[in-house]
PDB file of N, CA and C in Angstrom:
ATOM      1  N   UNK A   1      20.224 -25.753  28.557  1.00  0.00           N
ATOM      2  CA  UNK A   1      19.138 -24.449  29.498  1.00  0.00           C
ATOM      3  C   UNK A   1      20.275 -23.973  30.062  1.00  0.00           C
ATOM      4  N   UNK A   2      19.973 -22.368  30.055  1.00  0.00           N
ATOM      5  CA  UNK A   2      21.394 -22.173  30.999  1.00  0.00           C
ATOM      6  C   UNK A   2      20.233 -21.597  32.711  1.00  0.00           C
ATOM      7  N   UNK A   3      21.250 -20.964  33.249  1.00  0.00           N
ATOM      8  CA  UNK A   3      20.546 -21.090  34.747  1.00  0.00           C
ATOM      9  C   UNK A   3      19.878 -20.429  34.768  1.00  0.00           C
ATOM     10  N   UNK A   4      19.055 -19.058  34.395  1.00  0.00           N
ATOM     11  CA  UNK A   4      17.986 -18.131  33.965  1.00  0.00           C
ATOM     12  C   UNK A   4      16.904 -19.232  33.780  1.00  0.00           C
ATOM     13  N   UNK A   5      17.141 -19.957  32.760  1.00  0.00           N
ATOM     14  CA  UNK A   5      16.008 -20.852  32.571  1.00  0.00           C
ATOM     15  C   UNK A   5      15.641 -21.864  32.985  1.00  0.00           C
ATOM     16  N   UNK A   6      16.795 -22.508  33.521  1.00  0.00           N
ATOM     17  CA  UNK A   6      16.470 -23.161  34.831  1.00  0.00           C
ATOM     18  C   UNK A   6      16.043 -23.025  35.968  1.00  0.00           C
ATOM     19  N   UNK A   7      16.110 -22.067  36.748  1.00  0.00           N
ATOM     20  CA  UNK A   7      15.576 -21.180  37.920  1.00  0.00           C
ATOM     21  C   UNK A   7      13.954 -20.525  37.296  1.00  0.00           C
ATOM     22  N   UNK A   8      13.523 -20.301  36.098  1.00  0.00           N
ATOM     23  CA  UNK A   8      12.369 -20.399  35.733  1.00  0.00           C
ATOM     24  C   UNK A   8      11.959 -21.868  35.617  1.00  0.00           C
ATOM     25  N   UNK A   9      12.273 -22.693  35.029  1.00  0.00           N
ATOM     26  CA  UNK A   9      11.805 -24.117  35.137  1.00  0.00           C
ATOM     27  C   UNK A   9      11.212 -24.476  36.346  1.00  0.00           C
ATOM     28  N   UNK A  10      12.445 -24.019  37.429  1.00  0.00           N
ATOM     29  CA  UNK A  10      12.395 -25.125  39.024  1.00  0.00           C
ATOM     30  C   UNK A  10      10.925 -24.105  39.192  1.00  0.00           C
ATOM     31  N   UNK A  11      10.968 -22.749  39.289  1.00  0.00           N
ATOM     32  CA  UNK A  11       9.761 -21.718  39.484  1.00  0.00           C
ATOM     33  C   UNK A  11       8.315 -22.500  39.333  1.00  0.00           C
ATOM     34  N   UNK A  12       8.234 -22.989  37.787  1.00  0.00           N
ATOM     35  CA  UNK A  12       6.829 -23.200  37.311  1.00  0.00           C
ATOM     36  C   UNK A  12       6.535 -24.423  37.920  1.00  0.00           C
ATOM     37  N   UNK A  13       7.917 -25.694  38.066  1.00  0.00           N
ATOM     38  CA  UNK A  13       7.425 -26.840  38.862  1.00  0.00           C
ATOM     39  C   UNK A  13       7.165 -26.923  40.032  1.00  0.00           C
ATOM     40  N   UNK A  14       7.539 -25.625  40.720  1.00  0.00           N
ATOM     41  CA  UNK A  14       7.722 -25.426  42.490  1.00  0.00           C
ATOM     42  C   UNK A  14       6.029 -25.169  42.248  1.00  0.00           C
ATOM     43  N   UNK A  15       5.525 -24.178  41.375  1.00  0.00           N
ATOM     44  CA  UNK A  15       4.035 -23.833  41.454  1.00  0.00           C
ATOM     45  C   UNK A  15       2.952 -24.784  41.693  1.00  0.00           C
ATOM     46  N   UNK A  16       3.326 -25.858  40.500  1.00  0.00           N
ATOM     47  CA  UNK A  16       2.776 -27.133  40.416  1.00  0.00           C
ATOM     48  C   UNK A  16       2.426 -27.996  41.882  1.00  0.00           C
ATOM     49  N   UNK A  17       3.860 -27.541  42.518  1.00  0.00           N
ATOM     50  CA  UNK A  17       4.248 -28.603  43.889  1.00  0.00           C
ATOM     51  C   UNK A  17       3.459 -27.822  44.782  1.00  0.00           C
ATOM     52  N   UNK A  18       2.901 -26.367  44.877  1.00  0.00           N
ATOM     53  CA  UNK A  18       2.447 -26.104  45.691  1.00  0.00           C
ATOM     54  C   UNK A  18       1.306 -24.757  45.401  1.00  0.00           C
ATOM     55  N   UNK A  19       0.391 -25.802  44.419  1.00  0.00           N
ATOM     56  CA  UNK A  19      -0.951 -24.759  43.979  1.00  0.00           C
ATOM     57  C   UNK A  19      -1.353 -23.661  44.717  1.00  0.00           C
ATOM     58  N   UNK A  20      -1.334 -23.667  45.866  1.00  0.00           N
ATOM     59  CA  UNK A  20      -1.922 -22.749  46.651  1.00  0.00           C
ATOM     60  C   UNK A  20      -1.279 -21.241  47.254  1.00  0.00           C
ATOM     61  N   UNK A  21       0.142 -21.638  46.617  1.00  0.00           N
ATOM     62  CA  UNK A  21       0.944 -20.349  46.908  1.00  0.00           C
ATOM     63  C   UNK A  21       1.469 -20.249  45.410  1.00  0.00           C
ATOM     64  N   UNK A  22       0.908 -20.495  44.361  1.00  0.00           N
ATOM     65  CA  UNK A  22       1.756 -20.407  42.809  1.00  0.00           C
ATOM     66  C   UNK A  22       1.821 -19.176  42.390  1.00  0.00           C
ATOM     67  N   UNK A  23       1.282 -18.261  43.097  1.00  0.00           N
ATOM     68  CA  UNK A  23       1.340 -16.707  42.869  1.00  0.00           C
ATOM     69  C   UNK A  23       2.526 -16.219  43.651  1.00  0.00           C
ATOM     70  N   UNK A  24       3.212 -17.006  44.277  1.00  0.00           N
ATOM     71  CA  UNK A  24       3.866 -15.970  45.524  1.00  0.00           C
ATOM     72  C   UNK A  24       5.458 -16.368  45.340  1.00  0.00           C
ATOM     73  N   UNK A  25       5.671 -17.668  44.318  1.00  0.00           N
ATOM     74  CA  UNK A  25       6.687 -18.956  44.784  1.00  0.00           C
ATOM     75  C   UNK A  25       7.637 -18.334  43.513  1.00  0.00           C
ATOM     76  N   UNK A  26       9.144 -17.673  43.969  1.00  0.00           N
ATOM     77  CA  UNK A  26      10.054 -17.337  42.972  1.00  0.00           C
ATOM     78  C   UNK A  26      10.782 -18.051  43.333  1.00  0.00           C
ATOM     79  N   UNK A  27      11.557 -19.280  42.223  1.00  0.00           N
ATOM     80  CA  UNK A  27      13.079 -19.352  42.776  1.00  0.00           C
ATOM     81  C   UNK A  27      13.929 -18.562  41.993  1.00  0.00           C
ATOM     82  N   UNK A  28      15.011 -17.650  42.774  1.00  0.00           N
ATOM     83  CA  UNK A  28      15.701 -16.920  42.048  1.00  0.00           C
ATOM     84  C   UNK A  28      17.015 -16.933  42.218  1.00  0.00           C
ATOM     85  N   UNK A  29      17.390 -17.934  42.925  1.00  0.00           N
ATOM     86  CA  UNK A  29      18.858 -17.839  42.838  1.00  0.00           C
ATOM     87  C   UNK A  29      19.593 -19.268  43.308  1.00  0.00           C
ATOM     88  N   UNK A  30      20.491 -19.769  42.410  1.00  0.00           N
ATOM     89  CA  UNK A  30      20.877 -21.374  42.376  1.00  0.00           C
ATOM     90  C   UNK A  30      21.194 -21.925  43.781  1.00  0.00           C
ATOM     91  N   UNK A  31      21.990 -20.389  44.644  1.00  0.00           N
ATOM     92  CA  UNK A  31      22.704 -21.004  46.127  1.00  0.00           C
ATOM     93  C   UNK A  31      21.741 -20.512  47.495  1.00  0.00           C
ATOM     94  N   UNK A  32      20.968 -20.406  47.254  1.00  0.00           N
ATOM     95  CA  UNK A  32      19.736 -19.796  48.009  1.00  0.00           C
ATOM     96  C   UNK A  32      18.804 -21.573  48.544  1.00  0.00           C
ATOM     97  N   UNK A  33      19.125 -21.688  50.062  1.00  0.00           N
ATOM     98  CA  UNK A  33      18.423 -22.691  50.348  1.00  0.00           C
ATOM     99  C   UNK A  33      16.835 -22.845  50.242  1.00  0.00           C
ATOM    100  N   UNK A  34      16.617 -23.692  49.906  1.00  0.00           N
ATOM    101  CA  UNK A  34      14.970 -23.829  49.750  1.00  0.00           C
ATOM    102  C   UNK A  34      14.457 -22.920  50.490  1.00  0.00           C
ATOM    103  N   UNK A  35      14.546 -23.186  52.211  1.00  0.00           N
ATOM    104  CA  UNK A  35      13.808 -22.252  53.110  1.00  0.00           C
ATOM    105  C   UNK A  35      13.557 -20.829  52.399  1.00  0.00           C
ATOM    106  N   UNK A  36      14.513 -21.020  52.255  1.00  0.00           N
ATOM    107  CA  UNK A  36      14.645 -19.180  51.605  1.00  0.00           C
ATOM    108  C   UNK A  36      13.333 -18.755  50.604  1.00  0.00           C
ATOM    109  N   UNK A  37      12.743 -19.588  49.744  1.00  0.00           N
ATOM    110  CA  UNK A  37      11.487 -19.700  48.907  1.00  0.00           C
ATOM    111  C   UNK A  37      10.126 -20.359  49.408  1.00  0.00           C
ATOM    112  N   UNK A  38      10.310 -20.023  50.521  1.00  0.00           N
ATOM    113  CA  UNK A  38       9.267 -20.727  51.246  1.00  0.00           C
ATOM    114  C   UNK A  38       8.799 -22.291  50.735  1.00  0.00           C
ATOM    115  N   UNK A  39      10.112 -23.142  50.411  1.00  0.00           N
ATOM    116  CA  UNK A  39       9.226 -24.147  49.971  1.00  0.00           C
ATOM    117  C   UNK A  39      10.411 -25.181  51.337  1.00  0.00           C
ATOM    118  N   UNK A  40       9.466 -25.799  51.428  1.00  0.00           N
ATOM    119  CA  UNK A  40       9.473 -26.965  52.829  1.00  0.00           C
ATOM    120  C   UNK A  40       9.849 -28.503  52.262  1.00  0.00           C
ATOM    121  N   UNK A  41      10.323 -29.215  53.023  1.00  0.00           N
ATOM    122  CA  UNK A  41      10.708 -30.458  52.838  1.00  0.00           C
ATOM    123  C   UNK A  41       9.820 -31.544  52.057  1.00  0.00           C
ATOM    124  N   UNK A  42       8.081 -31.380  52.444  1.00  0.00           N
ATOM    125  CA  UNK A  42       7.419 -31.814  51.518  1.00  0.00           C
ATOM    126  C   UNK A  42       7.774 -31.524  50.085  1.00  0.00           C
ATOM    127  N   UNK A  43       7.794 -30.093  49.948  1.00  0.00           N
ATOM    128  CA  UNK A  43       7.454 -29.287  48.469  1.00  0.00           C
ATOM    129  C   UNK A  43       8.692 -29.949  48.021  1.00  0.00           C
ATOM    130  N   UNK A  44       9.671 -30.028  48.460  1.00  0.00           N
ATOM    131  CA  UNK A  44      11.097 -30.514  47.911  1.00  0.00           C
ATOM    132  C   UNK A  44      10.898 -31.603  47.058  1.00  0.00           C
ATOM    133  N   UNK A  45      10.648 -32.721  47.743  1.00  0.00           N
ATOM    134  CA  UNK A  45       9.888 -34.290  47.186  1.00  0.00           C
ATOM    135  C   UNK A  45       9.456 -33.814  46.058  1.00  0.00           C
ATOM    136  N   UNK A  46       8.466 -33.428  46.258  1.00  0.00           N
ATOM    137  CA  UNK A  46       7.508 -33.243  44.949  1.00  0.00           C
ATOM    138  C   UNK A  46       8.462 -32.868  43.913  1.00  0.00           C
ATOM    139  N   UNK A  47       8.984 -31.391  43.745  1.00  0.00           N
ATOM    140  CA  UNK A  47       9.636 -30.926  43.207  1.00  0.00           C
ATOM    141  C   UNK A  47      10.875 -31.868  42.273  1.00  0.00           C
ATOM    142  N   UNK A  48      11.352 -32.510  43.478  1.00  0.00           N
ATOM    143  CA  UNK A  48      12.356 -33.375  43.059  1.00  0.00           C
ATOM    144  C   UNK A  48      11.687 -34.258  41.913  1.00  0.00           C
ATOM    145  N   UNK A  49      10.659 -34.955  42.426  1.00  0.00           N
ATOM    146  CA  UNK A  49       9.855 -35.907  41.709  1.00  0.00           C
ATOM    147  C   UNK A  49       9.859 -35.989  40.332  1.00  0.00           C
ATOM    148  N   UNK A  50       8.971 -34.184  40.215  1.00  0.00           N
ATOM    149  CA  UNK A  50       9.003 -33.752  38.776  1.00  0.00           C
ATOM    150  C   UNK A  50       9.806 -33.381  38.217  1.00  0.00           C
ATOM    151  N   UNK A  51      10.926 -32.653  38.705  1.00  0.00           N
ATOM    152  CA  UNK A  51      12.244 -32.296  37.793  1.00  0.00           C
ATOM    153  C   UNK A  51      12.368 -33.579  37.367  1.00  0.00           C
ATOM    154  N   UNK A  52      12.704 -35.210  37.720  1.00  0.00           N
ATOM    155  CA  UNK A  52      13.827 -36.193  37.629  1.00  0.00           C
ATOM    156  C   UNK A  52      12.869 -36.913  35.935  1.00  0.00           C
ATOM    157  N   UNK A  53      11.088 -36.315  36.618  1.00  0.00           N
ATOM    158  CA  UNK A  53      10.448 -36.943  35.420  1.00  0.00           C
ATOM    159  C   UNK A  53      11.132 -35.971  34.111  1.00  0.00           C
ATOM    160  N   UNK A  54      10.759 -34.770  34.418  1.00  0.00           N
ATOM    161  CA  UNK A  54      11.354 -33.853  33.109  1.00  0.00           C
ATOM    162  C   UNK A  54      12.355 -34.506  32.531  1.00  0.00           C
ATOM    163  N   UNK A  55      13.304 -34.793  33.214  1.00  0.00           N
ATOM    164  CA  UNK A  55      14.994 -34.869  33.134  1.00  0.00           C
ATOM    165  C   UNK A  55      15.351 -36.195  32.441  1.00  0.00           C
ATOM    166  N   UNK A  56      14.230 -37.438  32.702  1.00  0.00           N
ATOM    167  CA  UNK A  56      14.232 -38.489  32.427  1.00  0.00           C
ATOM    168  C   UNK A  56      15.425 -39.244  33.882  1.00  0.00           C
ATOM    169  N   UNK A  57      15.475 -38.744  34.558  1.00  0.00           N
ATOM    170  CA  UNK A  57      16.013 -39.878  36.009  1.00  0.00           C
ATOM    171  C   UNK A  57      15.219 -40.578  36.558  1.00  0.00           C
ATOM    172  N   UNK A  58      16.052 -42.047  36.309  1.00  0.00           N
ATOM    173  CA  UNK A  58      15.311 -43.200  36.797  1.00  0.00           C
ATOM    174  C   UNK A  58      14.849 -42.912  38.435  1.00  0.00           C
ATOM    175  N   UNK A  59      13.652 -43.550  38.633  1.00  0.00           N
ATOM    176  CA  UNK A  59      13.445 -43.267  40.060  1.00  0.00           C
ATOM    177  C   UNK A  59      14.340 -44.019  41.281  1.00  0.00           C
ATOM    178  N   UNK A  60      15.249 -44.774  40.664  1.00  0.00           N
ATOM    179  CA  UNK A  60      16.191 -45.709  41.521  1.00  0.00           C
ATOM    180  C   UNK A  60      16.836 -44.285  42.002  1.00  0.00           C
ATOM    181  N   UNK A  61      17.631 -43.335  40.575  1.00  0.00           N
ATOM    182  CA  UNK A  61      18.720 -42.254  41.190  1.00  0.00           C
ATOM    183  C   UNK A  61      18.098 -41.669  41.816  1.00  0.00           C
ATOM    184  N   UNK A  62      16.686 -40.913  41.337  1.00  0.00           N
ATOM    185  CA  UNK A  62      16.012 -40.096  41.997  1.00  0.00           C
ATOM    186  C   UNK A  62      16.071 -39.828  43.223  1.00  0.00           C
ATOM    187  N   UNK A  63      16.061 -40.975  43.911  1.00  0.00           N
ATOM    188  CA  UNK A  63      15.839 -41.298  45.256  1.00  0.00           C
ATOM    189  C   UNK A  63      17.270 -41.210  46.160  1.00  0.00           C
ATOM    190  N   UNK A  64      18.230 -40.763  45.321  1.00  0.00           N
ATOM    191  CA  UNK A  64      19.319 -40.599  46.139  1.00  0.00           C
ATOM    192  C   UNK A  64      19.302 -39.152  46.122  1.00  0.00           C
ATOM    193  N   UNK A  65      18.576 -38.257  45.224  1.00  0.00           N
ATOM    194  CA  UNK A  65      18.417 -36.705  45.599  1.00  0.00           C
ATOM    195  C   UNK A  65      18.567 -35.750  46.825  1.00  0.00           C
ATOM    196  N   UNK A  66      19.313 -35.243  47.107  1.00  0.00           N
ATOM    197  CA  UNK A  66      19.565 -34.523  48.577  1.00  0.00           C
ATOM    198  C   UNK A  66      20.269 -33.115  47.918  1.00  0.00           C
ATOM    199  N   UNK A  67      19.406 -32.226  47.529  1.00  0.00           N
ATOM    200  CA  UNK A  67      19.212 -31.145  47.312  1.00  0.00           C
ATOM    201  C   UNK A  67      19.439 -29.936  48.180  1.00  0.00           C
ATOM    202  N   UNK A  68      20.602 -29.224  48.074  1.00  0.00           N
ATOM    203  CA  UNK A  68      20.322 -28.240  49.668  1.00  0.00           C
ATOM    204  C   UNK A  68      19.451 -26.638  48.665  1.00  0.00           C
ATOM    205  N   UNK A  69      19.787 -26.737  47.542  1.00  0.00           N
ATOM    206  CA  UNK A  69      19.642 -25.511  46.905  1.00  0.00           C
ATOM    207  C   UNK A  69      19.574 -25.962  45.236  1.00  0.00           C
ATOM    208  N   UNK A  70      18.596 -24.916  44.848  1.00  0.00           N
ATOM    209  CA  UNK A  70      18.641 -24.957  43.289  1.00  0.00           C
ATOM    210  C   UNK A  70      19.667 -25.904  42.334  1.00  0.00           C
ATOM    211  N   UNK A  71      21.046 -25.313  42.795  1.00  0.00           N
ATOM    212  CA  UNK A  71      22.373 -25.270  42.282  1.00  0.00           C
ATOM    213  C   UNK A  71      22.509 -26.938  42.348  1.00  0.00           C
ATOM    214  N   UNK A  72      22.342 -27.635  43.544  1.00  0.00           N
ATOM    215  CA  UNK A  72      22.405 -28.848  43.965  1.00  0.00           C
ATOM    216  C   UNK A  72      21.546 -29.675  42.951  1.00  0.00           C
ATOM    217  N   UNK A  73      20.594 -29.125  42.473  1.00  0.00           N
ATOM    218  CA  UNK A  73      19.482 -29.870  41.743  1.00  0.00           C
ATOM    219  C   UNK A  73      19.606 -29.798  40.732  1.00  0.00           C
ATOM    220  N   UNK A  74      20.464 -28.871  40.006  1.00  0.00           N
ATOM    221  CA  UNK A  74      21.192 -28.570  38.746  1.00  0.00           C
ATOM    222  C   UNK A  74      22.147 -29.585  38.669  1.00  0.00           C
ATOM    223  N   UNK A  75      22.766 -29.341  39.615  1.00  0.00           N
ATOM    224  CA  UNK A  75      23.930 -30.759  38.939  1.00  0.00           C
ATOM    225  C   UNK A  75      23.935 -31.593  39.253  1.00  0.00           C
ATOM    226  N   UNK A  76      22.854 -32.551  39.868  1.00  0.00           N
ATOM    227  CA  UNK A  76      22.383 -33.672  39.783  1.00  0.00           C
ATOM    228  C   UNK A  76      21.603 -34.192  38.962  1.00  0.00           C
ATOM    229  N   UNK A  77      20.796 -33.176  38.588  1.00  0.00           N
ATOM    230  CA  UNK A  77      20.456 -33.395  37.014  1.00  0.00           C
ATOM    231  C   UNK A  77      21.056 -33.658  35.803  1.00  0.00           C
ATOM    232  N   UNK A  78      22.365 -33.090  35.757  1.00  0.00           N
ATOM    233  CA  UNK A  78      23.135 -32.560  34.801  1.00  0.00           C
ATOM    234  C   UNK A  78      23.477 -34.373  34.552  1.00  0.00           C
ATOM    235  N   UNK A  79      24.188 -34.319  35.743  1.00  0.00           N
ATOM    236  CA  UNK A  79      24.861 -35.988  35.907  1.00  0.00           C
ATOM    237  C   UNK A  79      24.343 -36.941  35.709  1.00  0.00           C
ATOM    238  N   UNK A  80      23.014 -36.683  35.801  1.00  0.00           N
ATOM    239  CA  UNK A  80      22.033 -38.345  35.568  1.00  0.00           C
ATOM    240  C   UNK A  80      20.944 -38.430  34.374  1.00  0.00           C
ATOM    241  N   UNK A  81      21.003 -37.028  34.047  1.00  0.00           N
ATOM    242  CA  UNK A  81      19.583 -36.820  32.634  1.00  0.00           C
ATOM    243  C   UNK A  81      19.564 -38.129  31.635  1.00  0.00           C
ATOM    244  N   UNK A  82      18.818 -37.895  30.939  1.00  0.00           N
ATOM    245  CA  UNK A  82      18.796 -39.301  29.996  1.00  0.00           C
ATOM    246  C   UNK A  82      17.823 -37.946  28.828  1.00  0.00           C
ATOM    247  N   UNK A  83      17.437 -37.242  29.093  1.00  0.00           N
ATOM    248  CA  UNK A  83      16.795 -36.292  28.210  1.00  0.00           C
ATOM    249  C   UNK A  83      16.799 -34.717  28.786  1.00  0.00           C
ATOM    250  N   UNK A  84      16.440 -33.645  27.968  1.00  0.00           N
ATOM    251  CA  UNK A  84      16.395 -32.178  28.398  1.00  0.00           C
ATOM    252  C   UNK A  84      14.950 -32.103  27.539  1.00  0.00           C
ATOM    253  N   UNK A  85      14.350 -30.803  28.599  1.00  0.00           N
ATOM    254  CA  UNK A  85      13.468 -30.530  28.011  1.00  0.00           C
ATOM    255  C   UNK A  85      13.283 -29.438  26.935  1.00  0.00           C
ATOM    256  N   UNK A  86      12.844 -29.288  25.934  1.00  0.00           N
ATOM    257  CA  UNK A  86      12.757 -28.372  25.037  1.00  0.00           C
ATOM    258  C   UNK A  86      12.257 -27.360  25.308  1.00  0.00           C
ATOM    259  N   UNK A  87      11.305 -27.228  26.264  1.00  0.00           N
ATOM    260  CA  UNK A  87      10.608 -25.802  26.551  1.00  0.00           C
ATOM    261  C   UNK A  87      10.545 -25.957  27.972  1.00  0.00           C
ATOM    262  N   UNK A  88      10.315 -24.479  28.624  1.00  0.00           N
ATOM    263  CA  UNK A  88       9.599 -24.864  29.678  1.00  0.00           C
ATOM    264  C   UNK A  88       8.145 -24.997  29.939  1.00  0.00           C
ATOM    265  N   UNK A  89       7.371 -24.518  28.927  1.00  0.00           N
ATOM    266  CA  UNK A  89       6.508 -24.967  28.561  1.00  0.00           C
ATOM    267  C   UNK A  89       6.050 -26.390  28.646  1.00  0.00           C
ATOM    268  N   UNK A  90       6.648 -27.050  27.819  1.00  0.00           N
ATOM    269  CA  UNK A  90       6.219 -28.199  27.631  1.00  0.00           C
ATOM    270  C   UNK A  90       6.615 -28.943  28.849  1.00  0.00           C
ATOM    271  N   UNK A  91       7.879 -28.351  29.515  1.00  0.00           N
ATOM    272  CA  UNK A  91       8.201 -29.603  30.640  1.00  0.00           C
ATOM    273  C   UNK A  91       7.267 -29.441  31.931  1.00  0.00           C
ATOM    274  N   UNK A  92       6.718 -28.105  31.914  1.00  0.00           N
ATOM    275  CA  UNK A  92       5.782 -27.827  32.754  1.00  0.00           C
ATOM    276  C   UNK A  92       4.266 -29.050  32.545  1.00  0.00           C
ATOM    277  N   UNK A  93       3.949 -28.735  31.340  1.00  0.00           N
ATOM    278  CA  UNK A  93       2.725 -29.701  30.549  1.00  0.00           C
ATOM    279  C   UNK A  93       2.770 -30.936  30.816  1.00  0.00           C
ATOM    280  N   UNK A  94       4.226 -31.544  30.976  1.00  0.00           N
ATOM    281  CA  UNK A  94       3.853 -32.987  31.158  1.00  0.00           C
ATOM    282  C   UNK A  94       4.129 -32.879  32.646  1.00  0.00           C
ATOM    283  N   UNK A  95       4.185 -32.637  33.833  1.00  0.00           N
ATOM    284  CA  UNK A  95       3.848 -33.145  34.800  1.00  0.00           C
ATOM    285  C   UNK A  95       2.381 -32.773  35.135  1.00  0.00           C
ATOM    286  N   UNK A  96       1.536 -32.159  34.453  1.00  0.00           N
ATOM    287  CA  UNK A  96       0.162 -31.962  34.767  1.00  0.00           C
ATOM    288  C   UNK A  96      -0.645 -33.167  35.202  1.00  0.00           C
TER     289      UNK A  96
END
């Protein structure tokens, strides 16, 4: 999954984590901090849980995740993944 696909996936996962704001959530920069996307700490927790599930990261390892940006999240998942999503749609369906 390239950077743009990863950002698209994070955007879709953020929409699941923030259903009341799903029409306005767009994560479009790997290096911007989460608050720039109007994603707060509780939203981050939910996004991280979902992304760890999508990438097959164990709960124990997932609890150590402290990503300040989408790139931090991408790097963490690349290091600890046991699987990779085949499509964004399939990944999002798996967490609903």
